[in-house]
């Protein structure tokens, strides 16, 4: 892992507050279905996930001012389901690197109560043929500010990438109907939050 490159990159683009943060590096080799929970604090996290024909579920909890970089190296058929539960200030960068004859189906669910910047990139190298990357993002915002930037970087014309996003928010008409059914604000929120359960 090249943490110096990572540190220099983020020094250029992110706030000075992160300059004195410690970088915590971790590598995961995943060959079977797995659940991982990551609790953040005042550090910069640099994670590499080497995933081979598996499904991984990752829950990221943040109550502080934190930054996390996740690099996913995808081999074979891979499904990634990420739940981000943020009530602090979070900067997150997800890089999905899809290898030859591989496919990734990645879902990012963001429950934001404060401030989050999420940059997610699907990258397929020019030498990676017959590959496919898919990214779906779901955002539920509760009095927060969210900036989501999805990027598709497909260098091989025999491969393809897809992106879709959805903001979970009721229209006034839908909310009035649910209130008519005698549901209070908390119950309505719980209905929306069902989308955030791992499937």
N, C-alpha and C. Protein backbone atom coordinates (compact mmCIF):
# COMPACT_ATOMS: atom_id res chain seq x y z
N UNK A 1 0.84 -1.19 0.00
CA UNK A 1 0.00 0.00 0.00
C UNK A 1 0.88 1.24 0.00
N UNK A 2 0.57 2.18 -0.83
CA UNK A 2 1.38 3.38 -0.95
C UNK A 2 0.73 4.51 -0.15
N UNK A 3 0.95 4.50 1.15
CA UNK A 3 0.29 5.49 2.01
C UNK A 3 0.87 6.89 1.80
N UNK A 4 2.12 7.00 1.35
CA UNK A 4 2.69 8.33 1.10
C UNK A 4 1.95 9.02 -0.05
N UNK A 5 1.69 8.26 -1.13
CA UNK A 5 0.92 8.81 -2.25
C UNK A 5 -0.46 9.25 -1.77
N UNK A 6 -1.08 8.41 -0.99
CA UNK A 6 -2.41 8.70 -0.45
C UNK A 6 -2.39 9.97 0.40
N UNK A 7 -1.41 10.07 1.28
CA UNK A 7 -1.30 11.22 2.17
C UNK A 7 -1.08 12.50 1.37
N UNK A 8 -0.18 12.45 0.38
CA UNK A 8 0.09 13.63 -0.45
C UNK A 8 -1.14 14.04 -1.24
N UNK A 9 -1.86 13.06 -1.76
CA UNK A 9 -3.08 13.33 -2.53
C UNK A 9 -4.11 14.07 -1.68
N UNK A 10 -4.34 13.58 -0.49
CA UNK A 10 -5.37 14.19 0.34
C UNK A 10 -4.92 15.50 0.96
N UNK A 11 -3.62 15.68 1.14
CA UNK A 11 -3.13 16.98 1.61
C UNK A 11 -3.46 18.07 0.60
N UNK A 12 -3.42 17.72 -0.68
CA UNK A 12 -3.71 18.70 -1.73
C UNK A 12 -5.17 19.11 -1.73
N UNK A 13 -6.06 18.14 -1.51
CA UNK A 13 -7.47 18.37 -1.78
C UNK A 13 -8.36 18.52 -0.55
N UNK A 14 -7.87 18.17 0.62
CA UNK A 14 -8.74 18.25 1.78
C UNK A 14 -8.25 19.26 2.81
N UNK A 15 -9.10 19.51 3.79
CA UNK A 15 -8.86 20.56 4.77
C UNK A 15 -7.59 20.31 5.59
N UNK A 16 -7.01 21.38 6.07
CA UNK A 16 -5.76 21.33 6.85
C UNK A 16 -5.91 20.52 8.13
N UNK A 17 -7.12 20.39 8.63
CA UNK A 17 -7.33 19.66 9.88
C UNK A 17 -6.77 18.24 9.82
N UNK A 18 -6.72 17.67 8.61
CA UNK A 18 -6.26 16.29 8.47
C UNK A 18 -4.74 16.16 8.40
N UNK A 19 -4.01 17.26 8.31
CA UNK A 19 -2.55 17.21 8.15
C UNK A 19 -1.85 16.45 9.28
N UNK A 20 -2.35 16.58 10.50
CA UNK A 20 -1.69 15.96 11.64
C UNK A 20 -2.32 14.63 12.06
N UNK A 21 -3.26 14.16 11.27
CA UNK A 21 -3.91 12.89 11.59
C UNK A 21 -2.96 11.72 11.31
N UNK A 22 -3.07 10.70 12.13
CA UNK A 22 -2.30 9.48 11.92
C UNK A 22 -2.99 8.64 10.85
N UNK A 23 -2.18 7.98 9.98
CA UNK A 23 -2.74 7.09 8.96
C UNK A 23 -2.70 5.66 9.49
N UNK A 24 -3.87 5.03 9.49
CA UNK A 24 -3.99 3.64 9.91
C UNK A 24 -4.25 2.79 8.67
N UNK A 25 -3.33 1.85 8.40
CA UNK A 25 -3.43 1.02 7.19
C UNK A 25 -3.88 -0.40 7.56
N UNK A 26 -4.76 -0.95 6.72
CA UNK A 26 -5.22 -2.32 6.95
C UNK A 26 -5.51 -2.98 5.61
N UNK A 27 -5.19 -4.27 5.53
CA UNK A 27 -5.46 -5.02 4.30
C UNK A 27 -6.33 -6.23 4.64
N UNK A 28 -7.35 -6.46 3.81
CA UNK A 28 -8.27 -7.57 3.99
C UNK A 28 -8.20 -8.47 2.76
N UNK A 29 -7.97 -9.76 2.95
CA UNK A 29 -8.02 -10.74 1.87
C UNK A 29 -9.29 -11.56 2.06
N UNK A 30 -10.23 -11.39 1.14
CA UNK A 30 -11.57 -11.96 1.32
C UNK A 30 -11.83 -12.99 0.23
N UNK A 31 -12.00 -14.26 0.64
CA UNK A 31 -12.29 -15.36 -0.28
C UNK A 31 -13.61 -16.04 0.04
N UNK A 32 -14.33 -15.52 1.03
CA UNK A 32 -15.65 -16.05 1.36
C UNK A 32 -16.50 -14.88 1.86
N UNK A 33 -17.81 -15.07 1.92
CA UNK A 33 -18.70 -13.99 2.34
C UNK A 33 -18.31 -13.52 3.74
N UNK A 34 -18.33 -12.19 3.92
CA UNK A 34 -17.82 -11.64 5.18
C UNK A 34 -18.54 -10.34 5.54
N UNK A 35 -18.65 -10.09 6.86
CA UNK A 35 -19.19 -8.83 7.39
C UNK A 35 -18.06 -8.13 8.15
N UNK A 36 -17.88 -6.83 7.87
CA UNK A 36 -16.83 -6.05 8.52
C UNK A 36 -17.45 -4.77 9.05
N UNK A 37 -17.15 -4.43 10.30
CA UNK A 37 -17.61 -3.16 10.88
C UNK A 37 -16.39 -2.30 11.19
N UNK A 38 -16.46 -1.04 10.75
CA UNK A 38 -15.35 -0.10 10.95
C UNK A 38 -15.87 1.10 11.72
N UNK A 39 -15.30 1.36 12.89
CA UNK A 39 -15.67 2.52 13.70
C UNK A 39 -14.55 3.55 13.61
N UNK A 40 -14.90 4.74 13.13
CA UNK A 40 -13.90 5.77 12.87
C UNK A 40 -13.76 6.73 14.03
N UNK A 41 -12.57 7.32 14.14
CA UNK A 41 -12.34 8.44 15.05
C UNK A 41 -11.38 9.40 14.36
N UNK A 42 -10.65 10.20 15.10
CA UNK A 42 -9.80 11.23 14.49
C UNK A 42 -8.52 10.64 13.91
N UNK A 43 -8.68 9.91 12.82
CA UNK A 43 -7.57 9.33 12.09
C UNK A 43 -7.91 9.32 10.61
N UNK A 44 -6.91 8.97 9.80
CA UNK A 44 -7.14 8.71 8.38
C UNK A 44 -6.98 7.20 8.21
N UNK A 45 -7.96 6.58 7.60
CA UNK A 45 -7.96 5.13 7.42
C UNK A 45 -7.70 4.80 5.96
N UNK A 46 -6.77 3.88 5.74
CA UNK A 46 -6.40 3.46 4.39
C UNK A 46 -6.57 1.95 4.33
N UNK A 47 -7.65 1.50 3.70
CA UNK A 47 -7.98 0.07 3.66
C UNK A 47 -7.89 -0.47 2.24
N UNK A 48 -7.31 -1.66 2.12
CA UNK A 48 -7.29 -2.37 0.84
C UNK A 48 -8.04 -3.68 1.04
N UNK A 49 -9.05 -3.90 0.19
CA UNK A 49 -9.85 -5.12 0.22
C UNK A 49 -9.57 -5.92 -1.06
N UNK A 50 -8.93 -7.06 -0.93
CA UNK A 50 -8.71 -7.96 -2.06
C UNK A 50 -9.82 -9.01 -2.01
N UNK A 51 -10.77 -8.90 -2.95
CA UNK A 51 -11.98 -9.72 -2.88
C UNK A 51 -12.04 -10.66 -4.07
N UNK A 52 -12.21 -11.95 -3.78
CA UNK A 52 -12.24 -12.98 -4.82
C UNK A 52 -13.54 -13.76 -4.73
N UNK A 53 -14.44 -13.58 -5.73
CA UNK A 53 -15.68 -14.35 -5.82
C UNK A 53 -16.44 -14.43 -4.49
N UNK A 54 -16.70 -13.28 -3.88
CA UNK A 54 -17.34 -13.25 -2.57
C UNK A 54 -18.29 -12.07 -2.46
N UNK A 55 -19.07 -12.10 -1.39
CA UNK A 55 -19.90 -10.95 -1.03
C UNK A 55 -19.39 -10.39 0.29
N UNK A 56 -19.20 -9.09 0.33
CA UNK A 56 -18.73 -8.46 1.56
C UNK A 56 -19.70 -7.36 1.95
N UNK A 57 -20.03 -7.33 3.25
CA UNK A 57 -20.89 -6.29 3.80
C UNK A 57 -20.05 -5.49 4.78
N UNK A 58 -20.03 -4.18 4.57
CA UNK A 58 -19.19 -3.30 5.39
C UNK A 58 -20.06 -2.21 6.00
N UNK A 59 -19.97 -2.06 7.30
CA UNK A 59 -20.67 -0.97 7.99
C UNK A 59 -19.61 -0.01 8.51
N UNK A 60 -19.74 1.27 8.13
CA UNK A 60 -18.80 2.31 8.57
C UNK A 60 -19.56 3.28 9.46
N UNK A 61 -19.12 3.42 10.72
CA UNK A 61 -19.75 4.32 11.68
C UNK A 61 -18.81 5.48 11.97
N UNK A 62 -19.34 6.70 11.90
CA UNK A 62 -18.51 7.87 12.18
C UNK A 62 -19.27 8.89 13.02
N UNK A 63 -18.65 9.30 14.14
CA UNK A 63 -19.20 10.35 15.01
C UNK A 63 -18.22 11.50 15.17
N UNK A 64 -17.15 11.50 14.40
CA UNK A 64 -16.05 12.44 14.60
C UNK A 64 -15.73 13.14 13.29
N UNK A 65 -14.56 13.76 13.21
CA UNK A 65 -14.05 14.30 11.95
C UNK A 65 -13.03 13.30 11.44
N UNK A 66 -13.40 12.58 10.38
CA UNK A 66 -12.60 11.44 9.93
C UNK A 66 -12.48 11.40 8.42
N UNK A 67 -11.47 10.64 7.97
CA UNK A 67 -11.27 10.40 6.55
C UNK A 67 -10.96 8.92 6.35
N UNK A 68 -11.53 8.34 5.29
CA UNK A 68 -11.28 6.94 5.00
C UNK A 68 -11.14 6.74 3.50
N UNK A 69 -10.14 5.95 3.13
CA UNK A 69 -9.90 5.57 1.74
C UNK A 69 -10.01 4.06 1.66
N UNK A 70 -10.91 3.57 0.80
CA UNK A 70 -11.10 2.14 0.61
C UNK A 70 -10.79 1.77 -0.83
N UNK A 71 -9.86 0.86 -1.01
CA UNK A 71 -9.53 0.37 -2.35
C UNK A 71 -9.98 -1.09 -2.43
N UNK A 72 -10.85 -1.37 -3.41
CA UNK A 72 -11.39 -2.71 -3.60
C UNK A 72 -10.78 -3.31 -4.87
N UNK A 73 -10.00 -4.37 -4.72
CA UNK A 73 -9.44 -5.10 -5.86
C UNK A 73 -10.34 -6.30 -6.11
N UNK A 74 -11.01 -6.30 -7.26
CA UNK A 74 -12.09 -7.23 -7.52
C UNK A 74 -11.66 -8.29 -8.53
N UNK A 75 -11.78 -9.55 -8.11
CA UNK A 75 -11.48 -10.69 -8.98
C UNK A 75 -12.69 -11.62 -8.96
N UNK A 76 -13.18 -11.98 -10.15
CA UNK A 76 -14.35 -12.86 -10.24
C UNK A 76 -15.64 -12.08 -10.04
N UNK A 77 -16.65 -12.78 -9.57
CA UNK A 77 -17.96 -12.16 -9.35
C UNK A 77 -18.04 -11.72 -7.89
N UNK A 78 -18.17 -10.40 -7.69
CA UNK A 78 -18.09 -9.83 -6.35
C UNK A 78 -19.29 -8.92 -6.10
N UNK A 79 -19.84 -8.99 -4.88
CA UNK A 79 -20.89 -8.07 -4.46
C UNK A 79 -20.40 -7.35 -3.21
N UNK A 80 -20.50 -6.02 -3.22
CA UNK A 80 -20.07 -5.20 -2.09
C UNK A 80 -21.25 -4.36 -1.64
N UNK A 81 -21.57 -4.45 -0.35
CA UNK A 81 -22.69 -3.70 0.22
C UNK A 81 -22.14 -2.87 1.37
N UNK A 82 -22.13 -1.54 1.21
CA UNK A 82 -21.55 -0.65 2.22
C UNK A 82 -22.66 0.20 2.84
N UNK A 83 -22.70 0.22 4.16
CA UNK A 83 -23.60 1.11 4.89
C UNK A 83 -22.75 2.13 5.63
N UNK A 84 -22.96 3.40 5.32
CA UNK A 84 -22.23 4.49 5.98
C UNK A 84 -23.19 5.20 6.92
N UNK A 85 -22.90 5.14 8.21
CA UNK A 85 -23.73 5.77 9.23
C UNK A 85 -22.93 6.94 9.80
N UNK A 86 -23.26 8.15 9.35
CA UNK A 86 -22.43 9.31 9.69
C UNK A 86 -23.20 10.35 10.50
N UNK A 87 -22.63 10.72 11.66
CA UNK A 87 -23.16 11.85 12.42
C UNK A 87 -22.05 12.85 12.72
N UNK A 88 -20.90 12.69 12.07
CA UNK A 88 -19.79 13.62 12.23
C UNK A 88 -19.47 14.29 10.91
N UNK A 89 -18.20 14.61 10.71
CA UNK A 89 -17.72 15.15 9.44
C UNK A 89 -16.85 14.08 8.79
N UNK A 90 -17.30 13.58 7.65
CA UNK A 90 -16.64 12.43 7.04
C UNK A 90 -16.25 12.71 5.61
N UNK A 91 -14.99 12.35 5.28
CA UNK A 91 -14.50 12.39 3.91
C UNK A 91 -14.17 10.95 3.54
N UNK A 92 -14.76 10.46 2.46
CA UNK A 92 -14.58 9.06 2.10
C UNK A 92 -14.33 8.92 0.61
N UNK A 93 -13.37 8.06 0.27
CA UNK A 93 -13.04 7.80 -1.13
C UNK A 93 -13.05 6.29 -1.33
N UNK A 94 -13.91 5.81 -2.22
CA UNK A 94 -13.98 4.38 -2.55
C UNK A 94 -13.52 4.17 -3.98
N UNK A 95 -12.51 3.33 -4.15
CA UNK A 95 -12.01 2.99 -5.47
C UNK A 95 -12.28 1.51 -5.73
N UNK A 96 -13.08 1.24 -6.77
CA UNK A 96 -13.42 -0.13 -7.15
C UNK A 96 -12.61 -0.48 -8.40
N UNK A 97 -11.59 -1.33 -8.25
CA UNK A 97 -10.73 -1.74 -9.37
C UNK A 97 -11.17 -3.13 -9.83
N UNK A 98 -11.73 -3.19 -11.04
CA UNK A 98 -12.29 -4.44 -11.56
C UNK A 98 -11.28 -5.07 -12.52
N UNK A 99 -10.87 -6.30 -12.22
CA UNK A 99 -9.90 -7.02 -13.04
C UNK A 99 -10.58 -7.69 -14.24
N UNK A 100 -9.78 -8.31 -15.10
CA UNK A 100 -10.29 -9.00 -16.30
C UNK A 100 -11.28 -10.10 -15.94
N UNK A 101 -12.29 -10.25 -16.81
CA UNK A 101 -13.31 -11.29 -16.66
C UNK A 101 -13.93 -11.29 -15.27
N UNK A 102 -14.13 -10.09 -14.73
CA UNK A 102 -14.68 -9.93 -13.39
C UNK A 102 -15.86 -8.98 -13.42
N UNK A 103 -16.68 -9.07 -12.38
CA UNK A 103 -17.81 -8.13 -12.28
C UNK A 103 -18.01 -7.74 -10.83
N UNK A 104 -18.38 -6.48 -10.63
CA UNK A 104 -18.68 -6.01 -9.28
C UNK A 104 -20.04 -5.35 -9.27
N UNK A 105 -20.81 -5.67 -8.25
CA UNK A 105 -22.10 -5.02 -8.00
C UNK A 105 -21.97 -4.39 -6.63
N UNK A 106 -21.79 -3.06 -6.61
CA UNK A 106 -21.51 -2.35 -5.37
C UNK A 106 -22.68 -1.45 -5.01
N UNK A 107 -23.08 -1.51 -3.74
CA UNK A 107 -24.17 -0.68 -3.24
C UNK A 107 -23.63 0.13 -2.07
N UNK A 108 -23.81 1.44 -2.14
CA UNK A 108 -23.42 2.33 -1.04
C UNK A 108 -24.69 2.97 -0.48
N UNK A 109 -24.93 2.74 0.80
CA UNK A 109 -26.09 3.34 1.48
C UNK A 109 -25.55 4.34 2.50
N UNK A 110 -25.95 5.59 2.34
CA UNK A 110 -25.42 6.66 3.18
C UNK A 110 -26.53 7.22 4.04
N UNK A 111 -26.38 7.09 5.36
CA UNK A 111 -27.32 7.70 6.30
C UNK A 111 -26.55 8.84 6.96
N UNK A 112 -26.86 10.06 6.56
CA UNK A 112 -26.06 11.22 6.97
C UNK A 112 -26.86 12.16 7.85
N UNK A 113 -26.31 12.44 9.05
CA UNK A 113 -26.92 13.40 9.97
C UNK A 113 -26.07 14.65 10.14
N UNK A 114 -24.95 14.76 9.40
CA UNK A 114 -24.10 15.93 9.55
C UNK A 114 -23.50 16.33 8.21
N UNK A 115 -22.24 15.93 7.95
CA UNK A 115 -21.54 16.41 6.76
C UNK A 115 -20.71 15.26 6.18
N UNK A 116 -20.97 14.93 4.91
CA UNK A 116 -20.22 13.85 4.27
C UNK A 116 -19.86 14.23 2.83
N UNK A 117 -18.61 13.94 2.46
CA UNK A 117 -18.18 14.04 1.06
C UNK A 117 -17.77 12.62 0.66
N UNK A 118 -18.44 12.08 -0.36
CA UNK A 118 -18.17 10.72 -0.80
C UNK A 118 -17.81 10.72 -2.28
N UNK A 119 -16.57 10.31 -2.57
CA UNK A 119 -16.12 10.16 -3.96
C UNK A 119 -15.96 8.66 -4.21
N UNK A 120 -16.68 8.14 -5.19
CA UNK A 120 -16.62 6.71 -5.51
C UNK A 120 -16.29 6.54 -6.98
N UNK A 121 -15.31 5.70 -7.24
CA UNK A 121 -14.83 5.54 -8.62
C UNK A 121 -14.76 4.06 -8.99
N UNK A 122 -15.38 3.72 -10.12
CA UNK A 122 -15.18 2.40 -10.72
C UNK A 122 -14.09 2.55 -11.76
N UNK A 123 -13.04 1.75 -11.62
CA UNK A 123 -11.91 1.82 -12.55
C UNK A 123 -11.69 0.46 -13.20
N UNK A 124 -11.72 0.45 -14.53
CA UNK A 124 -11.39 -0.75 -15.29
C UNK A 124 -10.22 -0.41 -16.21
N UNK A 125 -9.09 -1.05 -15.95
CA UNK A 125 -7.84 -0.81 -16.67
C UNK A 125 -7.98 -1.20 -18.15
N UNK A 126 -7.14 -0.61 -18.99
CA UNK A 126 -7.18 -0.90 -20.43
C UNK A 126 -6.92 -2.38 -20.73
N UNK A 127 -6.23 -3.08 -19.83
CA UNK A 127 -5.95 -4.51 -20.04
C UNK A 127 -7.01 -5.43 -19.44
N UNK A 128 -8.02 -4.86 -18.79
CA UNK A 128 -9.07 -5.67 -18.16
C UNK A 128 -10.24 -5.85 -19.12
N UNK A 129 -10.27 -6.99 -19.80
CA UNK A 129 -11.33 -7.25 -20.78
C UNK A 129 -12.51 -7.98 -20.15
N UNK A 130 -13.67 -7.81 -20.80
CA UNK A 130 -14.90 -8.51 -20.40
C UNK A 130 -15.21 -8.31 -18.93
N UNK A 131 -15.09 -7.07 -18.48
CA UNK A 131 -15.35 -6.73 -17.08
C UNK A 131 -16.53 -5.79 -16.99
N UNK A 132 -17.14 -5.79 -15.80
CA UNK A 132 -18.31 -4.94 -15.60
C UNK A 132 -18.31 -4.42 -14.16
N UNK A 133 -18.54 -3.12 -14.01
CA UNK A 133 -18.65 -2.52 -12.70
C UNK A 133 -19.96 -1.77 -12.57
N UNK A 134 -20.67 -2.01 -11.47
CA UNK A 134 -21.95 -1.36 -11.23
C UNK A 134 -21.93 -0.74 -9.84
N UNK A 135 -22.37 0.51 -9.74
CA UNK A 135 -22.42 1.22 -8.46
C UNK A 135 -23.80 1.84 -8.28
N UNK A 136 -24.45 1.51 -7.17
CA UNK A 136 -25.74 2.10 -6.81
C UNK A 136 -25.57 2.83 -5.48
N UNK A 137 -26.07 4.06 -5.41
CA UNK A 137 -25.97 4.85 -4.18
C UNK A 137 -27.36 5.24 -3.70
N UNK A 138 -27.58 5.09 -2.38
CA UNK A 138 -28.84 5.48 -1.75
C UNK A 138 -28.50 6.44 -0.61
N UNK A 139 -29.14 7.59 -0.61
CA UNK A 139 -28.85 8.61 0.40
C UNK A 139 -30.11 8.92 1.20
N UNK A 140 -29.97 8.85 2.53
CA UNK A 140 -31.00 9.36 3.43
C UNK A 140 -30.34 10.42 4.29
N UNK A 141 -30.81 11.63 4.16
CA UNK A 141 -30.18 12.77 4.84
C UNK A 141 -31.12 13.31 5.91
N UNK A 142 -30.58 13.45 7.11
CA UNK A 142 -31.35 13.99 8.22
C UNK A 142 -30.64 15.25 8.72
N UNK A 143 -31.05 16.40 8.21
CA UNK A 143 -30.45 17.69 8.58
C UNK A 143 -28.95 17.73 8.32
N UNK A 144 -28.51 17.12 7.25
CA UNK A 144 -27.08 17.09 6.94
C UNK A 144 -26.78 17.68 5.58
N UNK A 145 -25.50 17.75 5.27
CA UNK A 145 -25.03 18.19 3.95
C UNK A 145 -24.26 17.02 3.35
N UNK A 146 -24.66 16.60 2.16
CA UNK A 146 -24.03 15.45 1.50
C UNK A 146 -23.56 15.85 0.11
N UNK A 147 -22.32 15.50 -0.19
CA UNK A 147 -21.78 15.69 -1.54
C UNK A 147 -21.34 14.31 -2.03
N UNK A 148 -21.99 13.81 -3.08
CA UNK A 148 -21.65 12.51 -3.65
C UNK A 148 -21.12 12.72 -5.05
N UNK A 149 -19.95 12.16 -5.33
CA UNK A 149 -19.34 12.30 -6.65
C UNK A 149 -18.98 10.91 -7.18
N UNK A 150 -19.84 10.33 -8.03
CA UNK A 150 -19.51 9.04 -8.64
C UNK A 150 -18.70 9.24 -9.92
N UNK A 151 -17.73 8.37 -10.15
CA UNK A 151 -16.87 8.47 -11.33
C UNK A 151 -16.79 7.09 -11.99
N UNK A 152 -16.99 7.06 -13.31
CA UNK A 152 -16.76 5.84 -14.09
C UNK A 152 -15.53 6.06 -14.95
N UNK A 153 -14.51 5.24 -14.79
CA UNK A 153 -13.27 5.34 -15.56
C UNK A 153 -13.02 3.98 -16.22
N UNK A 154 -13.57 3.82 -17.43
CA UNK A 154 -13.51 2.55 -18.14
C UNK A 154 -12.56 2.72 -19.33
N UNK A 155 -11.39 2.09 -19.26
CA UNK A 155 -10.37 2.27 -20.30
C UNK A 155 -10.43 1.21 -21.39
N UNK A 156 -11.20 0.15 -21.19
CA UNK A 156 -11.26 -0.94 -22.16
C UNK A 156 -12.64 -0.98 -22.80
N UNK A 157 -12.70 -0.93 -24.14
CA UNK A 157 -14.01 -0.86 -24.80
C UNK A 157 -14.74 -2.21 -24.83
N UNK A 158 -14.13 -3.27 -24.28
CA UNK A 158 -14.82 -4.55 -24.14
C UNK A 158 -15.36 -4.72 -22.72
N UNK A 159 -15.32 -3.64 -21.95
CA UNK A 159 -15.83 -3.65 -20.58
C UNK A 159 -16.82 -2.52 -20.42
N UNK A 160 -17.60 -2.54 -19.33
CA UNK A 160 -18.60 -1.49 -19.14
C UNK A 160 -18.81 -1.18 -17.66
N UNK A 161 -19.33 0.03 -17.42
CA UNK A 161 -19.61 0.48 -16.07
C UNK A 161 -20.95 1.17 -16.01
N UNK A 162 -21.61 1.09 -14.84
CA UNK A 162 -22.93 1.69 -14.63
C UNK A 162 -22.97 2.39 -13.28
N UNK A 163 -23.78 3.44 -13.20
CA UNK A 163 -23.98 4.13 -11.93
C UNK A 163 -25.42 4.59 -11.81
N UNK A 164 -25.97 4.48 -10.61
CA UNK A 164 -27.31 5.00 -10.34
C UNK A 164 -27.37 5.50 -8.91
N UNK A 165 -28.22 6.49 -8.66
CA UNK A 165 -28.35 7.00 -7.30
C UNK A 165 -29.80 7.35 -7.00
N UNK A 166 -30.11 7.33 -5.72
CA UNK A 166 -31.48 7.61 -5.29
C UNK A 166 -31.43 8.31 -3.94
N UNK A 167 -32.18 9.40 -3.83
CA UNK A 167 -32.33 10.08 -2.55
C UNK A 167 -33.63 9.61 -1.93
N UNK A 168 -33.54 9.09 -0.71
CA UNK A 168 -34.72 8.58 -0.03
C UNK A 168 -35.41 9.74 0.68
N UNK A 169 -36.39 10.29 0.02
CA UNK A 169 -37.10 11.43 0.59
C UNK A 169 -38.54 11.37 0.11
N UNK A 170 -39.46 11.58 1.02
CA UNK A 170 -40.87 11.57 0.66
C UNK A 170 -41.29 12.93 0.12
N UNK A 171 -42.20 12.89 -0.85
CA UNK A 171 -42.81 14.14 -1.30
C UNK A 171 -43.79 14.58 -0.21
N UNK A 172 -44.21 15.82 -0.27
CA UNK A 172 -45.16 16.33 0.72
C UNK A 172 -46.46 15.53 0.68
N UNK A 173 -46.88 15.16 -0.53
CA UNK A 173 -48.10 14.38 -0.70
C UNK A 173 -47.97 13.00 -0.04
N UNK A 174 -46.82 12.34 -0.23
CA UNK A 174 -46.60 11.02 0.38
C UNK A 174 -46.55 11.12 1.90
N UNK A 175 -45.88 12.16 2.39
CA UNK A 175 -45.78 12.34 3.84
C UNK A 175 -47.16 12.60 4.45
N UNK A 176 -47.96 13.44 3.78
CA UNK A 176 -49.32 13.72 4.27
C UNK A 176 -50.17 12.45 4.30
N UNK A 177 -50.00 11.60 3.28
CA UNK A 177 -50.76 10.35 3.24
C UNK A 177 -50.37 9.45 4.42
N UNK A 178 -49.07 9.34 4.71
CA UNK A 178 -48.64 8.51 5.83
C UNK A 178 -49.10 9.08 7.16
N UNK A 179 -49.14 10.40 7.26
CA UNK A 179 -49.67 11.03 8.49
C UNK A 179 -51.17 10.76 8.62
N UNK A 180 -51.86 10.75 7.47
CA UNK A 180 -53.29 10.43 7.45
C UNK A 180 -53.52 9.02 7.99
N UNK A 181 -52.55 8.13 7.76
CA UNK A 181 -52.63 6.76 8.28
C UNK A 181 -52.21 6.69 9.75
N UNK A 182 -52.06 7.84 10.38
CA UNK A 182 -51.71 7.99 11.80
C UNK A 182 -50.28 7.57 12.13
N UNK A 183 -49.38 7.71 11.16
CA UNK A 183 -47.97 7.46 11.43
C UNK A 183 -47.30 8.76 11.84
N UNK A 184 -46.51 8.72 12.92
CA UNK A 184 -45.80 9.93 13.33
C UNK A 184 -44.47 10.04 12.56
N UNK A 185 -43.75 11.13 12.80
CA UNK A 185 -42.52 11.41 12.06
C UNK A 185 -41.48 10.30 12.24
N UNK A 186 -41.37 9.78 13.46
CA UNK A 186 -40.39 8.72 13.75
C UNK A 186 -40.74 7.42 13.01
N UNK A 187 -42.02 7.10 12.95
CA UNK A 187 -42.45 5.89 12.24
C UNK A 187 -42.21 6.02 10.74
N UNK A 188 -42.44 7.22 10.21
CA UNK A 188 -42.19 7.47 8.79
C UNK A 188 -40.70 7.30 8.49
N UNK A 189 -39.86 7.84 9.39
CA UNK A 189 -38.41 7.71 9.23
C UNK A 189 -38.00 6.23 9.24
N UNK A 190 -38.61 5.45 10.13
CA UNK A 190 -38.28 4.02 10.22
C UNK A 190 -38.64 3.28 8.94
N UNK A 191 -39.71 3.70 8.28
CA UNK A 191 -40.09 3.09 7.00
C UNK A 191 -39.00 3.35 5.96
N UNK A 192 -38.53 4.59 5.90
CA UNK A 192 -37.45 4.93 4.96
C UNK A 192 -36.17 4.19 5.31
N UNK A 193 -35.90 4.03 6.60
CA UNK A 193 -34.65 3.41 7.04
C UNK A 193 -34.60 1.92 6.75
N UNK A 194 -35.74 1.30 6.44
CA UNK A 194 -35.72 -0.13 6.08
C UNK A 194 -34.82 -0.36 4.87
N UNK A 195 -34.72 0.65 4.03
CA UNK A 195 -33.85 0.58 2.85
C UNK A 195 -32.39 0.37 3.25
N UNK A 196 -32.07 0.72 4.51
CA UNK A 196 -30.69 0.69 4.96
C UNK A 196 -30.31 -0.60 5.68
N UNK A 197 -31.23 -1.55 5.72
CA UNK A 197 -30.87 -2.85 6.27
C UNK A 197 -30.08 -3.63 5.23
N UNK A 198 -29.12 -4.41 5.69
CA UNK A 198 -28.39 -5.27 4.76
C UNK A 198 -29.33 -6.36 4.28
N UNK A 199 -29.29 -6.61 2.97
CA UNK A 199 -30.18 -7.63 2.39
C UNK A 199 -29.43 -8.96 2.36
